[in-house]
Each structure stands twice: as C-alpha cells, then as structure tokens.
Amino acid sequence: MIDAEQARAEGIPQACRHATRQADARWQDMENMLLGGAPIDRTGGEIEASLFAQRRKAGKVRS
C-alpha cells in the first residue's frame, strides 16, 4: 500500500491504481492462506448446547 500512497502523492493515477490492485491481490492471497490453513469448527453451537444441558442437569444453571 505504500507504493500506492507514494504514486498518489506524485500525482500518477495509473501507477496508483496498479499499486492498489497489487496490494489488494497480496492481501487476498494472505487472507486465503491464513483462513485456508485454519479449520473452522462448525460444531461450536452443538458443543455449547450439550455443555449447557450438562450444567443444567447438574443444577448449576437456573432457567
């Protein structure tokens, strides 16, 4: 993004757009790499519900 800011300061709109597109692509690649490598736990709600039921059965939760 520094390149885009520098091109904008120099008054070169085409270079600014190009640098902005490159920065966006790098950001997207990094985001995909980070999110792709981290498995998403899709059972979080079920686990919370079962823990709540256990606590309620044990008398630790008032409803």
PDB file of N, CA and C in Angstrom:
ATOM      1  N   MET A   1       0.821  -1.186   0.000  1.00  0.00           N
ATOM      2  CA  MET A   1       0.000   0.000   0.000  1.00  0.00           C
ATOM      3  C   MET A   1       0.867   1.252   0.000  1.00  0.00           C
ATOM      4  N   ILE A   2       2.082   1.117   0.464  1.00  0.00           N
ATOM      5  CA  ILE A   2       2.985   2.272   0.483  1.00  0.00           C
ATOM      6  C   ILE A   2       3.256   2.760  -0.935  1.00  0.00           C
ATOM      7  N   ASP A   3       3.389   1.810  -1.879  1.00  0.00           N
ATOM      8  CA  ASP A   3       3.623   2.194  -3.270  1.00  0.00           C
ATOM      9  C   ASP A   3       2.452   3.005  -3.817  1.00  0.00           C
ATOM     10  N   ALA A   4       1.227   2.617  -3.470  1.00  0.00           N
ATOM     11  CA  ALA A   4       0.043   3.330  -3.941  1.00  0.00           C
ATOM     12  C   ALA A   4       0.003   4.741  -3.363  1.00  0.00           C
ATOM     13  N   GLU A   5       0.320   4.863  -2.089  1.00  0.00           N
ATOM     14  CA  GLU A   5       0.322   6.190  -1.467  1.00  0.00           C
ATOM     15  C   GLU A   5       1.394   7.081  -2.074  1.00  0.00           C
ATOM     16  N   GLN A   6       2.536   6.487  -2.389  1.00  0.00           N
ATOM     17  CA  GLN A   6       3.619   7.259  -2.995  1.00  0.00           C
ATOM     18  C   GLN A   6       3.227   7.707  -4.403  1.00  0.00           C
ATOM     19  N   ALA A   7       2.616   6.815  -5.185  1.00  0.00           N
ATOM     20  CA  ALA A   7       2.184   7.175  -6.538  1.00  0.00           C
ATOM     21  C   ALA A   7       1.100   8.242  -6.486  1.00  0.00           C
ATOM     22  N   ARG A   8       0.210   8.161  -5.509  1.00  0.00           N
ATOM     23  CA  ARG A   8      -0.836   9.170  -5.369  1.00  0.00           C
ATOM     24  C   ARG A   8      -0.215  10.527  -5.035  1.00  0.00           C
ATOM     25  N   ALA A   9       0.775  10.515  -4.150  1.00  0.00           N
ATOM     26  CA  ALA A   9       1.443  11.758  -3.764  1.00  0.00           C
ATOM     27  C   ALA A   9       2.189  12.372  -4.947  1.00  0.00           C
ATOM     28  N   GLU A  10       2.704  11.521  -5.830  1.00  0.00           N
ATOM     29  CA  GLU A  10       3.412  12.014  -7.012  1.00  0.00           C
ATOM     30  C   GLU A  10       2.460  12.428  -8.118  1.00  0.00           C
ATOM     31  N   GLY A  11       1.180  12.114  -7.974  1.00  0.00           N
ATOM     32  CA  GLY A  11       0.181  12.522  -8.959  1.00  0.00           C
ATOM     33  C   GLY A  11       0.143  11.633 -10.184  1.00  0.00           C
ATOM     34  N   ILE A  12       0.434  10.353 -10.015  1.00  0.00           N
ATOM     35  CA  ILE A  12       0.412   9.403 -11.130  1.00  0.00           C
ATOM     36  C   ILE A  12      -0.741   8.427 -10.895  1.00  0.00           C
ATOM     37  N   PRO A  13      -1.928   8.747 -11.407  1.00  0.00           N
ATOM     38  CA  PRO A  13      -3.108   7.934 -11.099  1.00  0.00           C
ATOM     39  C   PRO A  13      -3.004   6.489 -11.602  1.00  0.00           C
ATOM     40  N   GLN A  14      -2.426   6.263 -12.787  1.00  0.00           N
ATOM     41  CA  GLN A  14      -2.331   4.909 -13.319  1.00  0.00           C
ATOM     42  C   GLN A  14      -1.429   4.045 -12.438  1.00  0.00           C
ATOM     43  N   ALA A  15      -0.314   4.595 -11.988  1.00  0.00           N
ATOM     44  CA  ALA A  15       0.585   3.855 -11.101  1.00  0.00           C
ATOM     45  C   ALA A  15      -0.083   3.600  -9.760  1.00  0.00           C
ATOM     46  N   CYS A  16      -0.874   4.550  -9.312  1.00  0.00           N
ATOM     47  CA  CYS A  16      -1.597   4.382  -8.042  1.00  0.00           C
ATOM     48  C   CYS A  16      -2.600   3.237  -8.139  1.00  0.00           C
ATOM     49  N   ARG A  17      -3.357   3.194  -9.231  1.00  0.00           N
ATOM     50  CA  ARG A  17      -4.329   2.116  -9.429  1.00  0.00           C
ATOM     51  C   ARG A  17      -3.637   0.767  -9.516  1.00  0.00           C
ATOM     52  N   HIS A  18      -2.523   0.724 -10.249  1.00  0.00           N
ATOM     53  CA  HIS A  18      -1.780  -0.520 -10.397  1.00  0.00           C
ATOM     54  C   HIS A  18      -1.255  -1.004  -9.037  1.00  0.00           C
ATOM     55  N   ALA A  19      -0.672  -0.118  -8.277  1.00  0.00           N
ATOM     56  CA  ALA A  19      -0.128  -0.480  -6.965  1.00  0.00           C
ATOM     57  C   ALA A  19      -1.240  -0.898  -6.010  1.00  0.00           C
ATOM     58  N   THR A  20      -2.384  -0.245  -6.110  1.00  0.00           N
ATOM     59  CA  THR A  20      -3.524  -0.604  -5.261  1.00  0.00           C
ATOM     60  C   THR A  20      -4.027  -2.001  -5.597  1.00  0.00           C
ATOM     61  N   ARG A  21      -4.110  -2.322  -6.900  1.00  0.00           N
ATOM     62  CA  ARG A  21      -4.538  -3.671  -7.303  1.00  0.00           C
ATOM     63  C   ARG A  21      -3.558  -4.731  -6.811  1.00  0.00           C
ATOM     64  N   GLN A  22      -2.273  -4.434  -6.893  1.00  0.00           N
ATOM     65  CA  GLN A  22      -1.274  -5.382  -6.406  1.00  0.00           C
ATOM     66  C   GLN A  22      -1.388  -5.585  -4.895  1.00  0.00           C
ATOM     67  N   ALA A  23      -1.571  -4.501  -4.168  1.00  0.00           N
ATOM     68  CA  ALA A  23      -1.711  -4.606  -2.712  1.00  0.00           C
ATOM     69  C   ALA A  23      -2.965  -5.397  -2.346  1.00  0.00           C
ATOM     70  N   ASP A  24      -4.062  -5.167  -3.067  1.00  0.00           N
ATOM     71  CA  ASP A  24      -5.296  -5.917  -2.808  1.00  0.00           C
ATOM     72  C   ASP A  24      -5.099  -7.407  -3.085  1.00  0.00           C
ATOM     73  N   ALA A  25      -4.396  -7.721  -4.180  1.00  0.00           N
ATOM     74  CA  ALA A  25      -4.152  -9.129  -4.515  1.00  0.00           C
ATOM     75  C   ALA A  25      -3.283  -9.792  -3.449  1.00  0.00           C
ATOM     76  N   ARG A  26      -2.262  -9.084  -2.974  1.00  0.00           N
ATOM     77  CA  ARG A  26      -1.410  -9.642  -1.918  1.00  0.00           C
ATOM     78  C   ARG A  26      -2.210  -9.875  -0.649  1.00  0.00           C
ATOM     79  N   TRP A  27      -3.072  -8.917  -0.309  1.00  0.00           N
ATOM     80  CA  TRP A  27      -3.900  -9.043   0.886  1.00  0.00           C
ATOM     81  C   TRP A  27      -4.840 -10.237   0.761  1.00  0.00           C
ATOM     82  N   GLN A  28      -5.449 -10.403  -0.410  1.00  0.00           N
ATOM     83  CA  GLN A  28      -6.360 -11.521  -0.649  1.00  0.00           C
ATOM     84  C   GLN A  28      -5.616 -12.850  -0.555  1.00  0.00           C
ATOM     85  N   ASP A  29      -4.408 -12.922  -1.121  1.00  0.00           N
ATOM     86  CA  ASP A  29      -3.611 -14.143  -1.030  1.00  0.00           C
ATOM     87  C   ASP A  29      -3.293 -14.488   0.419  1.00  0.00           C
ATOM     88  N   MET A  30      -2.908 -13.474   1.192  1.00  0.00           N
ATOM     89  CA  MET A  30      -2.574 -13.710   2.588  1.00  0.00           C
ATOM     90  C   MET A  30      -3.809 -14.175   3.366  1.00  0.00           C
ATOM     91  N   GLU A  31      -4.936 -13.540   3.101  1.00  0.00           N
ATOM     92  CA  GLU A  31      -6.173 -13.907   3.783  1.00  0.00           C
ATOM     93  C   GLU A  31      -6.574 -15.339   3.446  1.00  0.00           C
ATOM     94  N   ASN A  32      -6.483 -15.704   2.170  1.00  0.00           N
ATOM     95  CA  ASN A  32      -6.825 -17.068   1.761  1.00  0.00           C
ATOM     96  C   ASN A  32      -5.891 -18.090   2.390  1.00  0.00           C
ATOM     97  N   MET A  33      -4.607 -17.750   2.474  1.00  0.00           N
ATOM     98  CA  MET A  33      -3.642 -18.664   3.067  1.00  0.00           C
ATOM     99  C   MET A  33      -3.936 -18.870   4.555  1.00  0.00           C
ATOM    100  N   LEU A  34      -4.216 -17.779   5.262  1.00  0.00           N
ATOM    101  CA  LEU A  34      -4.478 -17.882   6.694  1.00  0.00           C
ATOM    102  C   LEU A  34      -5.789 -18.598   6.982  1.00  0.00           C
ATOM    103  N   LEU A  35      -6.837 -18.234   6.264  1.00  0.00           N
ATOM    104  CA  LEU A  35      -8.139 -18.847   6.518  1.00  0.00           C
ATOM    105  C   LEU A  35      -8.223 -20.261   5.974  1.00  0.00           C
ATOM    106  N   GLY A  36      -7.484 -20.529   4.903  1.00  0.00           N
ATOM    107  CA  GLY A  36      -7.491 -21.875   4.335  1.00  0.00           C
ATOM    108  C   GLY A  36      -6.759 -22.872   5.217  1.00  0.00           C
ATOM    109  N   GLY A  37      -5.761 -22.416   5.935  1.00  0.00           N
ATOM    110  CA  GLY A  37      -4.989 -23.298   6.790  1.00  0.00           C
ATOM    111  C   GLY A  37      -5.623 -23.547   8.141  1.00  0.00           C
ATOM    112  N   ALA A  38      -6.565 -22.708   8.525  1.00  0.00           N
ATOM    113  CA  ALA A  38      -7.213 -22.850   9.831  1.00  0.00           C
ATOM    114  C   ALA A  38      -8.570 -23.517   9.652  1.00  0.00           C
ATOM    115  N   PRO A  39      -8.718 -24.727  10.158  1.00  0.00           N
ATOM    116  CA  PRO A  39     -10.022 -25.389  10.033  1.00  0.00           C
ATOM    117  C   PRO A  39     -11.075 -24.666  10.877  1.00  0.00           C
ATOM    118  N   ILE A  40     -12.242 -24.544  10.323  1.00  0.00           N
ATOM    119  CA  ILE A  40     -13.330 -23.867  11.028  1.00  0.00           C
ATOM    120  C   ILE A  40     -14.161 -24.916  11.759  1.00  0.00           C
ATOM    121  N   ASP A  41     -14.348 -24.698  13.034  1.00  0.00           N
ATOM    122  CA  ASP A  41     -15.133 -25.623  13.847  1.00  0.00           C
ATOM    123  C   ASP A  41     -16.604 -25.308  13.655  1.00  0.00           C
ATOM    124  N   ARG A  42     -17.286 -26.180  12.964  1.00  0.00           N
ATOM    125  CA  ARG A  42     -18.701 -25.941  12.669  1.00  0.00           C
ATOM    126  C   ARG A  42     -19.615 -26.568  13.720  1.00  0.00           C
ATOM    127  N   THR A  43     -19.060 -27.188  14.736  1.00  0.00           N
ATOM    128  CA  THR A  43     -19.882 -27.837  15.752  1.00  0.00           C
ATOM    129  C   THR A  43     -19.943 -27.022  17.034  1.00  0.00           C
ATOM    130  N   GLY A  44     -19.494 -25.771  16.991  1.00  0.00           N
ATOM    131  CA  GLY A  44     -19.436 -24.947  18.192  1.00  0.00           C
ATOM    132  C   GLY A  44     -20.769 -24.822  18.899  1.00  0.00           C
ATOM    133  N   GLY A  45     -21.847 -24.603  18.156  1.00  0.00           N
ATOM    134  CA  GLY A  45     -23.166 -24.466  18.760  1.00  0.00           C
ATOM    135  C   GLY A  45     -23.644 -25.741  19.421  1.00  0.00           C
ATOM    136  N   GLU A  46     -23.357 -26.865  18.783  1.00  0.00           N
ATOM    137  CA  GLU A  46     -23.777 -28.144  19.354  1.00  0.00           C
ATOM    138  C   GLU A  46     -23.028 -28.429  20.644  1.00  0.00           C
ATOM    139  N   ILE A  47     -21.746 -28.111  20.660  1.00  0.00           N
ATOM    140  CA  ILE A  47     -20.946 -28.341  21.866  1.00  0.00           C
ATOM    141  C   ILE A  47     -21.450 -27.449  22.995  1.00  0.00           C
ATOM    142  N   GLU A  48     -21.714 -26.183  22.696  1.00  0.00           N
ATOM    143  CA  GLU A  48     -22.222 -25.273  23.716  1.00  0.00           C
ATOM    144  C   GLU A  48     -23.565 -25.737  24.249  1.00  0.00           C
ATOM    145  N   ALA A  49     -24.419 -26.225  23.367  1.00  0.00           N
ATOM    146  CA  ALA A  49     -25.734 -26.690  23.798  1.00  0.00           C
ATOM    147  C   ALA A  49     -25.615 -27.910  24.703  1.00  0.00           C
ATOM    148  N   SER A  50     -24.720 -28.820  24.364  1.00  0.00           N
ATOM    149  CA  SER A  50     -24.569 -30.010  25.207  1.00  0.00           C
ATOM    150  C   SER A  50     -23.949 -29.649  26.560  1.00  0.00           C
ATOM    151  N   LEU A  51     -22.992 -28.716  26.570  1.00  0.00           N
ATOM    152  CA  LEU A  51     -22.412 -28.271  27.837  1.00  0.00           C
ATOM    153  C   LEU A  51     -23.464 -27.578  28.698  1.00  0.00           C
ATOM    154  N   PHE A  52     -24.308 -26.767  28.079  1.00  0.00           N
ATOM    155  CA  PHE A  52     -25.381 -26.101  28.814  1.00  0.00           C
ATOM    156  C   PHE A  52     -26.335 -27.125  29.411  1.00  0.00           C
ATOM    157  N   ALA A  53     -26.676 -28.163  28.622  1.00  0.00           N
ATOM    158  CA  ALA A  53     -27.581 -29.200  29.118  1.00  0.00           C
ATOM    159  C   ALA A  53     -26.960 -29.947  30.296  1.00  0.00           C
ATOM    160  N   GLN A  54     -25.662 -30.215  30.217  1.00  0.00           N
ATOM    161  CA  GLN A  54     -24.994 -30.894  31.327  1.00  0.00           C
ATOM    162  C   GLN A  54     -24.988 -30.026  32.579  1.00  0.00           C
ATOM    163  N   ARG A  55     -24.696 -28.757  32.426  1.00  0.00           N
ATOM    164  CA  ARG A  55     -24.682 -27.843  33.577  1.00  0.00           C
ATOM    165  C   ARG A  55     -26.083 -27.694  34.162  1.00  0.00           C
ATOM    166  N   ARG A  56     -27.081 -27.646  33.284  1.00  0.00           N
ATOM    167  CA  ARG A  56     -28.463 -27.520  33.766  1.00  0.00           C
ATOM    168  C   ARG A  56     -28.884 -28.764  34.540  1.00  0.00           C
ATOM    169  N   LYS A  57     -28.483 -29.937  34.025  1.00  0.00           N
ATOM    170  CA  LYS A  57     -28.825 -31.201  34.703  1.00  0.00           C
ATOM    171  C   LYS A  57     -28.128 -31.266  36.061  1.00  0.00           C
ATOM    172  N   ALA A  58     -26.935 -30.706  36.144  1.00  0.00           N
ATOM    173  CA  ALA A  58     -26.189 -30.733  37.412  1.00  0.00           C
ATOM    174  C   ALA A  58     -26.698 -29.673  38.382  1.00  0.00           C
ATOM    175  N   GLY A  59     -27.633 -28.825  37.937  1.00  0.00           N
ATOM    176  CA  GLY A  59     -28.189 -27.801  38.811  1.00  0.00           C
ATOM    177  C   GLY A  59     -27.347 -26.528  38.905  1.00  0.00           C
ATOM    178  N   LYS A  60     -26.432 -26.358  37.992  1.00  0.00           N
ATOM    179  CA  LYS A  60     -25.578 -25.192  38.023  1.00  0.00           C
ATOM    180  C   LYS A  60     -26.140 -24.020  37.250  1.00  0.00           C
ATOM    181  N   VAL A  61     -27.217 -24.255  36.503  1.00  0.00           N
ATOM    182  CA  VAL A  61     -27.819 -23.200  35.693  1.00  0.00           C
ATOM    183  C   VAL A  61     -29.267 -23.027  36.102  1.00  0.00           C
ATOM    184  N   ARG A  62     -29.649 -21.800  36.336  1.00  0.00           N
ATOM    185  CA  ARG A  62     -31.065 -21.516  36.649  1.00  0.00           C
ATOM    186  C   ARG A  62     -31.742 -21.062  35.362  1.00  0.00           C
ATOM    187  N   SER A  63     -32.917 -21.611  35.119  1.00  0.00           N
ATOM    188  CA  SER A  63     -33.635 -21.190  33.916  1.00  0.00           C
ATOM    189  C   SER A  63     -35.019 -20.700  34.246  1.00  0.00           C
TER     190      SER A  63
END
